[in-house]
Amino acid sequence: MRDFFISYRKVDLKPDEIVDTIVVPPTTKHEFVECYKQARRREDDISIVNACFKACIEPSENGNEWQLKNINMVFGGVAPTT
């Protein structure tokens, strides 16, 4: 994915190529995913900004608390001007 998106509305795809499959792996135990989109109107397909968070938690050594094992945060549509 990092190499596929080059810049705004530009991807590393030749004119005769198509994307035929996108695989999104399922979450594992104690892994949570939340995505958000902010647009001018609910029906608007172009978002002002969007974000997605994936967090994995695990029980602490004493078993009484939970701790954050890993977190991934992705933001889109963020630019220095509007």
Protein backbone atom coordinates (compact mmCIF):
# COMPACT_ATOMS: atom_id res chain seq x y z
CA MET A 1 0.00 0.00 0.00
CA ARG A 2 2.80 2.45 0.83
CA ASP A 3 4.30 2.05 -2.63
CA PHE A 4 0.93 1.99 -4.43
CA PHE A 5 -0.28 5.50 -3.47
CA ILE A 6 2.13 8.03 -4.98
CA SER A 7 0.34 11.33 -4.27
CA TYR A 8 -3.10 12.94 -4.42
CA ARG A 9 -5.15 11.01 -7.00
CA LYS A 10 -2.03 9.27 -8.31
CA VAL A 11 -1.31 5.57 -7.93
CA ASP A 12 1.39 3.26 -9.23
CA LEU A 13 -0.82 1.61 -11.85
CA LYS A 14 -0.05 1.34 -15.54
CA PRO A 15 -2.79 2.30 -18.05
CA ASP A 16 -3.35 -1.37 -18.97
CA GLU A 17 -3.52 -2.61 -15.35
CA ILE A 18 -6.51 -2.94 -12.99
CA VAL A 19 -6.90 -3.75 -9.31
CA ASP A 20 -8.94 -6.93 -9.11
CA THR A 21 -8.56 -7.86 -5.44
CA ILE A 22 -8.16 -6.08 -2.13
CA VAL A 23 -7.72 -8.27 0.93
CA VAL A 24 -8.56 -6.85 4.35
CA PRO A 25 -7.52 -9.29 7.06
CA PRO A 26 -10.02 -9.99 9.85
CA THR A 27 -9.34 -8.71 13.32
CA THR A 28 -7.80 -10.98 15.90
CA LYS A 29 -8.81 -11.48 19.52
CA HIS A 30 -8.56 -8.19 21.46
CA GLU A 31 -8.03 -6.18 18.26
CA PHE A 32 -10.40 -3.31 17.50
CA VAL A 33 -10.86 -1.19 14.37
CA GLU A 34 -12.79 2.09 14.04
CA CYS A 35 -12.98 4.33 10.95
CA TYR A 36 -14.34 7.86 10.63
CA LYS A 37 -15.20 10.16 7.73
CA GLN A 38 -15.97 13.87 7.84
CA ALA A 39 -17.64 15.39 4.79
CA ARG A 40 -19.63 18.54 4.09
CA ARG A 41 -22.75 16.41 3.63
CA ARG A 42 -23.44 12.86 4.74
CA GLU A 43 -24.06 11.79 1.13
CA ASP A 44 -20.89 13.47 -0.16
CA ASP A 45 -18.40 10.94 -1.51
CA ILE A 46 -15.41 13.27 -1.09
CA SER A 47 -14.41 13.58 2.53
CA ILE A 48 -12.75 16.57 4.12
CA VAL A 49 -10.75 14.27 6.34
CA ASN A 50 -10.92 10.63 7.31
CA ALA A 51 -9.19 8.47 9.86
CA CYS A 52 -8.94 4.84 10.82
CA PHE A 53 -7.53 3.34 14.00
CA LYS A 54 -6.57 -0.25 14.77
CA ALA A 55 -5.64 -1.07 18.36
CA CYS A 56 -4.58 -4.34 19.93
CA ILE A 57 -4.76 -4.73 23.69
CA GLU A 58 -3.59 -7.52 25.96
CA PRO A 59 -4.01 -8.39 29.63
CA SER A 60 -1.25 -7.14 31.90
CA GLU A 61 0.98 -9.57 33.79
CA ASN A 62 -1.15 -9.34 36.94
CA GLY A 63 -4.30 -9.97 34.88
CA ASN A 64 -6.22 -7.10 36.49
CA GLU A 65 -5.57 -4.48 33.81
CA TRP A 66 -5.28 -4.15 30.05
CA GLN A 67 -2.42 -2.57 28.19
CA LEU A 68 -2.05 -1.28 24.66
CA LYS A 69 0.10 -3.70 22.70
CA ASN A 70 -0.01 -1.99 19.28
CA ILE A 71 -1.84 0.85 17.55
CA ASN A 72 -2.00 1.89 13.90
CA MET A 73 -3.46 5.26 12.88
CA VAL A 74 -4.13 6.31 9.30
CA PHE A 75 -5.37 9.72 8.16
CA GLY A 76 -6.53 10.78 4.72
CA GLY A 77 -7.52 14.02 3.06
CA VAL A 78 -5.22 16.04 5.28
CA ALA A 79 -3.64 19.03 3.50
CA PRO A 80 -2.07 22.34 4.49
CA THR A 81 -4.90 24.26 2.75
CA THR A 82 -8.61 23.71 2.21
